């Protein structure tokens, strides 16, 4: 009975963390950089659940980049199609494909990242998988998305350039190259369960939004946020199920002998380099899948250093949502915005230089994001509509639940010896 309760608590934590992270992504950051919020959060949660504390930073980086990849997708016009009866089912098919590609990329990178330190894993193979991912992303985008062979946006009114086929091809190519060795089934398990969550959650969320907008008494609610919550919950559910199935299949991470202390100035340089790669390429490189390149470079560096992994997943994520806050707050235009972003990024970089505990990293990232969300809500111009206030209340409830459940699971793990690893 206790094991049964523990299982559902673990799955609930994954679902709640991704629901919260996805909702925050839609408010304090968009695109790939915003999608790093739920990705980094779930990477840290899984590190704690699977007793992989020594590679928590690596899993956070895999999660942040993995789910950041899907943030390159466009789906605003697909939402528009879902609101019209004649294109409703075509839009839902598009959401299923886009959600499945998003989940496959995020779950695949986390699953392959969990193979680190296990038999058959090798850094060259993982790097080869990243190279294959970028190449296949270009091929899928060029052959399917660019010519609009299968198209789920508005073909007439400012048509958007899609990239879902490129992401799908890239994720599959990555897994075929990187997921090797006796534990490779675990990588595919995470990829496929998360793919299923995205393929189900995105169209369900879109259908919920279309229904809610048509109900006269509920038009005040933020139904777009309901779509995001649904997608996040189902992605998290898939990851939670995969982690439960894999709990006895993975040995404690045995790589390395600990991290050498890094002087703060050197750590700041590493943080700046991580930001230049992920944020700089996203902002400055005019390529439809520019984040795929930046993310691959960031993970290639994160293999070499846990500190780089923490900066790539947490420092960059916090910096990005602080930039979003400054860009969308009139009082923070110009130098005032940088007086918020730069000190906030520096404090985050200093904190992650020393902190390595996945539970504390998760709580710090989560509550920082919730705090910025509240600040953005109540800073002029006020965004405190009834629908958004309900959303902020849900953010706080989810954050409290995640904090309590993480603590409870951590205490249970301290009381229970780790089971021996078995074949995946």
Foldseek 3Di string as FASTA:
>chain_A
DVVVVLLVLLLVLLLLLLLLLLLLLVFLHAALLSQLRSQLLNLLSLCLLLVQLVCSLLSSLLRSLQLSLLSLFDCPQLLVLCLDVVRNVLSLQVQLLSQLLSQLSNLLSNQLSLCAQPPPADLVLLLVLLVQLVVQQVVQLVPDQVVPVPPRGDPPPPDDGGRSRSSNRSSVSSLVRRQDDLQSVLSVQSSNLLSNLRSPLQSVLSVQLSVQCPDVVRVLADSVSSSSSSSSSSSSSSNSVSSVVCSQAGDHRDDDDDADQDDLVVLVVLLVVLLCLQVVQVVPPPDSSSNSVSSSVQSSVCVVDSSSSNSNSQLNSLLNSLLSLLVLAVVNPDPNSVVRNVVRSSVSSVVSSPDSGSLVSSLVSLVSSLVSSVVSCPHPVHVPRPNVVVVNVSSVVSSVSSNVSSVVSSVVPVVDDRHHHDGD
